[in-house]
N, C-alpha and C. Protein backbone atom coordinates (compact mmCIF):
# COMPACT_ATOMS: atom_id res chain seq x y z
N MET A 1 -26.98 -2.04 273.55
CA MET A 1 -25.99 -2.01 274.31
C MET A 1 -25.27 -3.36 274.28
N MET A 2 -23.82 -3.39 274.19
CA MET A 2 -23.27 -4.91 274.37
C MET A 2 -22.17 -4.75 275.34
N ILE A 3 -22.42 -5.73 276.20
CA ILE A 3 -21.30 -5.84 277.04
C ILE A 3 -20.50 -7.10 277.19
N GLY A 4 -19.34 -7.21 276.93
CA GLY A 4 -18.42 -8.17 276.94
C GLY A 4 -18.54 -9.26 278.03
N VAL A 5 -18.44 -10.36 278.10
CA VAL A 5 -18.43 -11.40 279.20
C VAL A 5 -16.99 -11.69 279.63
N ASN A 6 -16.30 -11.79 280.75
CA ASN A 6 -15.28 -12.12 281.04
C ASN A 6 -14.84 -13.44 280.99
N THR A 7 -13.31 -13.44 280.81
CA THR A 7 -13.04 -15.11 280.94
C THR A 7 -13.36 -15.83 281.89
N GLU A 8 -13.29 -15.43 283.22
CA GLU A 8 -13.73 -16.28 284.49
C GLU A 8 -15.18 -16.76 284.09
N ILE A 9 -15.86 -16.02 283.85
CA ILE A 9 -17.33 -16.29 283.87
C ILE A 9 -17.68 -17.26 282.56
N LEU A 10 -16.75 -16.81 281.29
CA LEU A 10 -17.07 -17.88 280.17
C LEU A 10 -16.67 -19.11 280.77
N ILE A 11 -15.46 -19.45 281.56
CA ILE A 11 -14.91 -20.66 281.76
C ILE A 11 -16.00 -21.17 282.89
N ASP A 12 -16.46 -20.64 283.64
CA ASP A 12 -17.46 -21.36 284.62
C ASP A 12 -18.79 -21.69 283.96
N VAL A 13 -19.39 -20.83 283.08
CA VAL A 13 -20.38 -21.22 282.11
C VAL A 13 -20.10 -22.73 281.40
N TRP A 14 -18.90 -22.56 280.71
CA TRP A 14 -18.71 -23.71 279.78
C TRP A 14 -18.17 -25.05 280.49
N ARG A 15 -17.88 -24.93 281.88
CA ARG A 15 -17.67 -25.98 282.65
C ARG A 15 -18.94 -26.58 283.28
N ARG A 16 -19.82 -25.51 283.40
CA ARG A 16 -21.38 -26.21 283.87
C ARG A 16 -21.88 -26.75 282.64
N LEU A 17 -21.62 -26.36 281.59
CA LEU A 17 -22.65 -26.68 280.27
C LEU A 17 -22.04 -27.91 279.80
N LEU A 18 -20.52 -28.07 279.92
CA LEU A 18 -20.03 -29.27 279.58
C LEU A 18 -19.43 -30.25 280.57
N ALA A 19 -20.20 -30.70 281.46
CA ALA A 19 -20.04 -31.05 282.66
C ALA A 19 -19.29 -32.86 282.62
N ASP A 20 -19.47 -33.29 281.32
CA ASP A 20 -18.83 -34.61 281.00
C ASP A 20 -17.47 -34.59 281.14
N PRO A 21 -17.03 -35.49 282.36
CA PRO A 21 -15.47 -35.51 282.74
C PRO A 21 -14.81 -35.90 281.87
N CYS A 22 -15.19 -36.45 280.64
CA CYS A 22 -14.20 -36.86 279.52
C CYS A 22 -14.10 -35.95 278.45
N LYS A 23 -14.88 -34.90 278.44
CA LYS A 23 -14.94 -33.66 277.20
C LYS A 23 -13.93 -32.72 277.32
N SER A 24 -12.90 -32.63 276.67
CA SER A 24 -11.84 -31.58 276.54
C SER A 24 -12.43 -30.67 275.56
N TRP A 25 -11.90 -29.29 275.86
CA TRP A 25 -12.43 -28.20 275.08
C TRP A 25 -11.46 -27.13 275.34
N VAL A 26 -11.73 -26.19 274.35
CA VAL A 26 -10.82 -25.01 274.23
C VAL A 26 -11.77 -23.73 274.05
N LEU A 27 -11.35 -22.55 274.77
CA LEU A 27 -12.44 -21.32 274.89
C LEU A 27 -11.59 -20.29 274.32
N PHE A 28 -12.39 -19.58 273.40
CA PHE A 28 -11.41 -18.55 272.67
C PHE A 28 -12.06 -17.21 273.20
N GLU A 29 -11.58 -16.04 272.94
CA GLU A 29 -11.67 -14.90 273.87
C GLU A 29 -13.10 -14.24 273.66
N HIS A 30 -13.78 -14.42 272.74
CA HIS A 30 -15.21 -13.94 272.61
C HIS A 30 -16.18 -14.87 272.93
N GLY A 31 -16.03 -16.06 273.54
CA GLY A 31 -17.18 -16.91 273.93
C GLY A 31 -17.15 -18.38 273.09
N ALA A 32 -16.54 -18.54 272.03
CA ALA A 32 -16.50 -19.52 271.02
C ALA A 32 -15.94 -20.65 271.80
N CYS A 33 -16.31 -21.76 271.89
CA CYS A 33 -15.90 -23.07 272.54
C CYS A 33 -15.65 -24.25 271.57
N VAL A 34 -14.62 -24.71 271.51
CA VAL A 34 -14.34 -26.04 270.50
C VAL A 34 -14.24 -27.16 271.65
N VAL A 35 -15.17 -28.19 271.26
CA VAL A 35 -15.52 -29.30 272.12
C VAL A 35 -14.44 -30.51 271.30
N LEU A 36 -13.55 -30.86 271.80
CA LEU A 36 -12.81 -31.81 271.15
C LEU A 36 -13.16 -33.25 271.43
N THR A 37 -13.69 -33.84 270.53
CA THR A 37 -14.44 -35.21 270.77
C THR A 37 -13.10 -36.32 270.59
N ALA A 38 -12.08 -36.00 269.82
CA ALA A 38 -11.13 -36.78 269.78
C ALA A 38 -9.60 -35.99 269.99
N PRO A 39 -9.26 -35.62 271.37
CA PRO A 39 -8.38 -34.67 271.42
C PRO A 39 -7.01 -35.55 271.29
N ASP A 40 -6.24 -34.74 270.66
CA ASP A 40 -4.79 -35.48 270.32
C ASP A 40 -3.90 -34.36 270.19
N GLY A 41 -2.71 -34.58 270.97
CA GLY A 41 -1.60 -33.67 270.77
C GLY A 41 -1.87 -32.47 271.48
N GLU A 42 -1.39 -31.20 270.82
CA GLU A 42 -1.79 -29.95 271.59
C GLU A 42 -3.10 -29.52 271.33
N LEU A 43 -3.94 -29.26 272.37
CA LEU A 43 -5.45 -28.94 272.30
C LEU A 43 -5.69 -27.69 271.68
N ALA A 44 -4.95 -26.83 271.98
CA ALA A 44 -5.15 -25.35 271.48
C ALA A 44 -4.64 -25.24 269.97
N GLU A 45 -3.85 -25.95 269.53
CA GLU A 45 -3.59 -26.10 268.18
C GLU A 45 -4.59 -26.87 267.22
N GLN A 46 -5.12 -27.82 267.86
CA GLN A 46 -6.28 -28.54 267.31
C GLN A 46 -7.41 -27.78 267.22
N ALA A 47 -7.78 -27.11 268.24
CA ALA A 47 -8.85 -26.37 268.36
C ALA A 47 -8.75 -25.13 267.42
N THR A 48 -7.86 -24.63 267.38
CA THR A 48 -7.40 -23.39 266.56
C THR A 48 -7.65 -23.68 265.07
N ASP A 49 -7.26 -24.89 264.92
CA ASP A 49 -7.22 -25.37 263.43
C ASP A 49 -8.71 -25.70 262.99
N ILE A 50 -9.54 -26.15 263.87
CA ILE A 50 -11.14 -26.36 263.70
C ILE A 50 -11.71 -24.78 263.62
N LEU A 51 -11.23 -24.08 264.65
CA LEU A 51 -11.92 -22.91 264.60
C LEU A 51 -11.53 -21.91 263.42
N LYS A 52 -10.55 -22.14 262.59
CA LYS A 52 -10.05 -21.27 261.57
C LYS A 52 -10.68 -21.42 260.37
N LYS A 53 -11.09 -22.98 260.41
CA LYS A 53 -11.87 -23.46 259.30
C LYS A 53 -13.44 -23.40 259.51
N PHE A 54 -13.92 -23.35 260.57
CA PHE A 54 -15.38 -23.44 260.58
C PHE A 54 -15.74 -22.18 261.61
N GLY A 55 -14.99 -21.24 261.87
CA GLY A 55 -15.33 -20.14 263.16
C GLY A 55 -16.05 -18.92 261.95
N PRO A 56 -15.23 -18.42 260.95
CA PRO A 56 -15.65 -17.31 260.03
C PRO A 56 -16.86 -17.58 259.42
N ALA A 57 -17.81 -16.57 259.48
CA ALA A 57 -19.17 -16.55 258.94
C ALA A 57 -19.14 -16.14 257.53
N HIS A 58 -19.56 -16.59 256.58
CA HIS A 58 -19.45 -16.27 255.12
C HIS A 58 -20.98 -16.22 254.63
N ALA A 59 -21.31 -14.97 254.18
CA ALA A 59 -22.68 -15.01 253.54
C ALA A 59 -22.90 -16.07 252.65
N ALA A 60 -24.22 -16.48 252.52
CA ALA A 60 -24.69 -17.19 251.31
C ALA A 60 -24.22 -18.56 251.52
N SER A 61 -23.74 -18.98 252.80
CA SER A 61 -23.15 -20.33 252.76
C SER A 61 -23.39 -20.95 253.99
N SER A 62 -23.30 -22.20 254.23
CA SER A 62 -23.60 -23.02 255.62
C SER A 62 -22.83 -22.16 256.64
N ALA A 63 -21.68 -21.54 256.43
CA ALA A 63 -21.05 -20.91 257.53
C ALA A 63 -21.71 -19.78 258.21
N GLY A 64 -22.85 -19.19 257.21
CA GLY A 64 -23.55 -18.43 257.87
C GLY A 64 -24.83 -18.73 258.71
N ASP A 65 -25.10 -20.17 258.55
CA ASP A 65 -26.32 -20.67 259.42
C ASP A 65 -25.70 -20.77 260.88
N PHE A 66 -26.97 -20.79 261.62
CA PHE A 66 -26.69 -20.74 262.96
C PHE A 66 -28.27 -21.39 263.76
N GLY A 67 -28.15 -21.90 264.77
CA GLY A 67 -29.03 -22.25 265.48
C GLY A 67 -29.23 -21.56 267.28
N VAL A 68 -30.00 -21.63 267.80
CA VAL A 68 -30.10 -20.80 269.25
C VAL A 68 -30.75 -21.98 270.23
N ILE A 69 -29.80 -22.12 271.17
CA ILE A 69 -30.43 -23.21 272.11
C ILE A 69 -30.38 -22.30 273.63
N ASP A 70 -31.73 -22.45 274.04
CA ASP A 70 -31.99 -21.82 275.37
C ASP A 70 -31.51 -22.55 276.40
N LEU A 71 -30.86 -21.94 277.44
CA LEU A 71 -30.17 -22.70 278.49
C LEU A 71 -31.03 -23.01 279.78
N LYS A 72 -30.97 -24.28 280.15
CA LYS A 72 -31.89 -24.29 281.34
C LYS A 72 -30.85 -23.92 282.91
N ASP A 73 -29.51 -24.36 282.76
CA ASP A 73 -29.12 -24.32 284.08
C ASP A 73 -28.36 -23.18 283.85
N VAL A 74 -28.06 -22.40 283.13
CA VAL A 74 -27.11 -21.37 282.86
C VAL A 74 -28.14 -20.12 282.10
N GLU A 75 -27.97 -18.85 282.72
CA GLU A 75 -28.64 -17.87 282.07
C GLU A 75 -27.74 -17.47 280.71
N GLY A 76 -28.72 -17.28 279.68
CA GLY A 76 -27.81 -17.10 278.29
C GLY A 76 -28.41 -18.07 277.29
N TRP A 77 -27.62 -18.16 276.17
CA TRP A 77 -27.85 -18.97 275.19
C TRP A 77 -26.59 -19.55 274.53
N VAL A 78 -26.44 -20.57 273.87
CA VAL A 78 -25.41 -21.44 272.97
C VAL A 78 -26.24 -21.16 271.61
N VAL A 79 -24.96 -20.40 270.88
CA VAL A 79 -25.41 -20.52 269.42
C VAL A 79 -24.39 -21.57 268.54
N THR A 80 -25.20 -22.53 267.87
CA THR A 80 -24.45 -23.42 267.17
C THR A 80 -24.21 -22.82 265.78
N GLY A 81 -23.35 -23.27 265.10
CA GLY A 81 -22.90 -23.28 263.64
C GLY A 81 -22.91 -24.47 262.69
N HIS A 82 -22.25 -24.19 261.55
CA HIS A 82 -22.10 -25.40 260.61
C HIS A 82 -21.14 -26.55 261.17
N HIS A 83 -20.48 -26.43 262.27
CA HIS A 83 -19.67 -27.55 262.94
C HIS A 83 -20.47 -27.80 264.24
N ASN A 84 -20.56 -29.19 264.43
CA ASN A 84 -21.41 -29.40 265.76
C ASN A 84 -20.59 -29.24 266.84
N ASP A 85 -19.31 -29.05 266.90
CA ASP A 85 -18.34 -28.95 268.00
C ASP A 85 -17.78 -27.71 268.31
N VAL A 86 -18.26 -26.53 267.52
CA VAL A 86 -18.28 -25.22 267.78
C VAL A 86 -19.39 -24.68 268.01
N LEU A 87 -19.36 -24.24 269.54
CA LEU A 87 -20.40 -23.44 270.03
C LEU A 87 -19.98 -21.95 270.59
N THR A 88 -21.05 -21.14 270.58
CA THR A 88 -20.61 -19.80 271.23
C THR A 88 -21.66 -19.43 272.41
N TYR A 89 -21.20 -18.86 273.45
CA TYR A 89 -21.93 -18.68 274.51
C TYR A 89 -22.36 -17.05 274.24
N VAL A 90 -23.74 -16.86 274.48
CA VAL A 90 -24.07 -15.60 274.42
C VAL A 90 -25.05 -15.20 276.03
N GLY A 91 -24.23 -14.23 276.76
CA GLY A 91 -24.74 -14.03 278.03
C GLY A 91 -26.17 -13.04 277.95
N PRO A 92 -26.74 -13.22 278.78
CA PRO A 92 -28.08 -12.37 278.84
C PRO A 92 -27.99 -10.90 278.75
N ASP A 93 -26.76 -10.48 279.22
CA ASP A 93 -26.49 -8.94 279.33
C ASP A 93 -25.77 -8.41 278.05
N GLU A 94 -25.53 -9.36 277.21
CA GLU A 94 -24.78 -8.87 275.81
C GLU A 94 -25.38 -8.27 274.94
N THR A 95 -26.62 -8.54 274.57
CA THR A 95 -27.41 -7.70 273.63
C THR A 95 -28.78 -7.46 274.02
N GLN A 96 -29.15 -6.39 273.97
CA GLN A 96 -30.43 -5.71 274.13
C GLN A 96 -31.61 -6.58 273.63
N ASP A 97 -31.93 -6.73 272.26
CA ASP A 97 -32.55 -7.67 271.56
C ASP A 97 -32.53 -9.06 272.06
N GLN A 98 -33.24 -9.77 272.65
CA GLN A 98 -33.04 -11.04 272.97
C GLN A 98 -33.90 -12.15 272.37
N SER A 99 -34.21 -11.49 271.03
CA SER A 99 -34.86 -12.62 270.08
C SER A 99 -34.11 -13.52 269.68
N GLN A 100 -34.64 -14.62 269.15
CA GLN A 100 -33.67 -15.76 268.68
C GLN A 100 -32.83 -15.27 267.71
N ILE A 101 -33.42 -14.52 266.79
CA ILE A 101 -32.59 -14.03 265.51
C ILE A 101 -31.31 -13.21 265.88
N ALA A 102 -31.88 -12.30 266.84
CA ALA A 102 -30.62 -11.25 267.53
C ALA A 102 -29.65 -11.76 267.99
N VAL A 103 -29.98 -12.94 269.00
CA VAL A 103 -28.98 -13.67 269.68
C VAL A 103 -28.04 -14.48 268.87
N GLY A 104 -28.84 -15.01 267.72
CA GLY A 104 -27.99 -15.96 266.85
C GLY A 104 -26.96 -15.05 266.05
N VAL A 105 -27.60 -14.03 265.38
CA VAL A 105 -26.71 -13.18 264.73
C VAL A 105 -25.50 -12.62 265.29
N PHE A 106 -25.87 -12.18 266.86
CA PHE A 106 -24.70 -11.71 267.65
C PHE A 106 -23.74 -12.88 267.81
N GLY A 107 -24.41 -13.92 268.35
CA GLY A 107 -23.43 -15.32 268.50
C GLY A 107 -22.53 -15.71 267.57
N ARG A 108 -23.13 -15.61 266.20
CA ARG A 108 -22.42 -15.72 265.02
C ARG A 108 -21.21 -14.81 264.81
N SER A 109 -21.68 -13.49 265.09
CA SER A 109 -20.58 -12.29 264.89
C SER A 109 -19.45 -12.89 266.04
N LYS A 110 -19.76 -13.15 267.20
CA LYS A 110 -18.66 -13.58 268.01
C LYS A 110 -17.94 -14.87 267.63
N ARG A 111 -18.68 -15.75 267.04
CA ARG A 111 -17.81 -17.01 266.58
C ARG A 111 -16.81 -16.38 265.42
N HIS A 112 -17.56 -15.58 264.48
CA HIS A 112 -16.60 -14.94 263.63
C HIS A 112 -15.36 -14.36 264.03
N ARG A 113 -15.29 -13.44 264.94
CA ARG A 113 -14.46 -12.80 265.63
C ARG A 113 -13.48 -13.68 265.95
N ASP A 114 -13.86 -14.75 266.89
CA ASP A 114 -12.83 -15.91 267.34
C ASP A 114 -12.09 -16.77 266.31
N GLY A 115 -13.09 -16.73 264.95
CA GLY A 115 -12.35 -17.65 264.15
C GLY A 115 -11.61 -16.92 263.18
N THR A 116 -11.50 -15.32 263.38
CA THR A 116 -10.50 -14.77 262.58
C THR A 116 -9.35 -14.16 263.49
N GLU A 117 -9.62 -14.17 264.65
CA GLU A 117 -8.72 -13.60 265.74
C GLU A 117 -7.82 -14.93 266.47
N LEU A 118 -8.52 -15.95 266.58
CA LEU A 118 -7.75 -17.15 267.02
C LEU A 118 -7.33 -16.90 268.26
N HIS A 119 -7.63 -16.17 269.45
CA HIS A 119 -6.87 -16.11 270.56
C HIS A 119 -7.44 -17.04 271.59
N VAL A 120 -6.65 -17.99 272.06
CA VAL A 120 -7.05 -18.92 272.99
C VAL A 120 -6.96 -18.53 274.36
N VAL A 121 -8.08 -18.44 275.27
CA VAL A 121 -8.01 -17.89 276.59
C VAL A 121 -7.94 -19.04 277.80
N HIS A 122 -8.35 -20.32 277.40
CA HIS A 122 -8.49 -21.38 278.13
C HIS A 122 -8.26 -22.82 277.50
N VAL A 123 -7.72 -23.89 278.05
CA VAL A 123 -7.80 -25.11 277.64
C VAL A 123 -8.40 -25.92 278.94
N GLU A 124 -9.27 -26.85 278.52
CA GLU A 124 -9.72 -27.71 279.51
C GLU A 124 -9.50 -29.19 279.12
N ASP A 125 -8.28 -29.66 279.68
CA ASP A 125 -7.86 -31.09 279.31
C ASP A 125 -8.00 -31.95 280.04
N LYS A 126 -9.14 -32.96 279.31
CA LYS A 126 -9.83 -33.95 280.33
C LYS A 126 -9.22 -35.28 280.10
N ARG A 127 -8.24 -35.41 279.33
CA ARG A 127 -7.53 -36.79 278.71
C ARG A 127 -7.34 -37.53 279.90
N ALA A 128 -6.86 -37.05 280.99
CA ALA A 128 -6.23 -37.57 281.92
C ALA A 128 -7.41 -38.50 282.72
N SER A 129 -8.75 -37.72 282.88
CA SER A 129 -9.73 -38.26 283.37
C SER A 129 -10.61 -39.15 282.78
N ALA A 130 -10.10 -39.36 281.44
CA ALA A 130 -10.63 -40.28 280.44
C ALA A 130 -10.16 -41.50 280.34
N ALA A 131 -8.80 -41.55 281.09
CA ALA A 131 -8.12 -43.03 281.17
C ALA A 131 -8.73 -43.82 282.03
N PRO A 132 -8.68 -45.04 281.59
CA PRO A 132 -9.15 -46.40 282.28
C PRO A 132 -8.24 -46.49 283.96
N ALA A 133 -8.99 -46.64 284.68
CA ALA A 133 -8.26 -46.84 286.02
C ALA A 133 -7.67 -48.34 286.10
């Protein structure tokens, strides 16, 4: 049984995981997060362009590859892909099988949905806090 994670929980999780006060990021509907290492202009647009290119999973290519990170301070996992700044959160109640492979495949499928649907649900703009005092 798969249960979706609500947006407020996702925002809280990513705020805890990306605690760097200078990291801007954009969250998509199914849990994919694009960290913007060089934020410029409209952040949602910049993140959408990245996810459109690096979100969809394609069989027999690097776009199908993934890694799974067990989280220490948050329950669940982060699934990585072929772009270092595109990460997907998988909550502990989202998949019954919690093996690395099952979690990775599930996270990749969430990233694929976000990479094809491209629905932004939150923008965390940290550019102002990165400016020198």
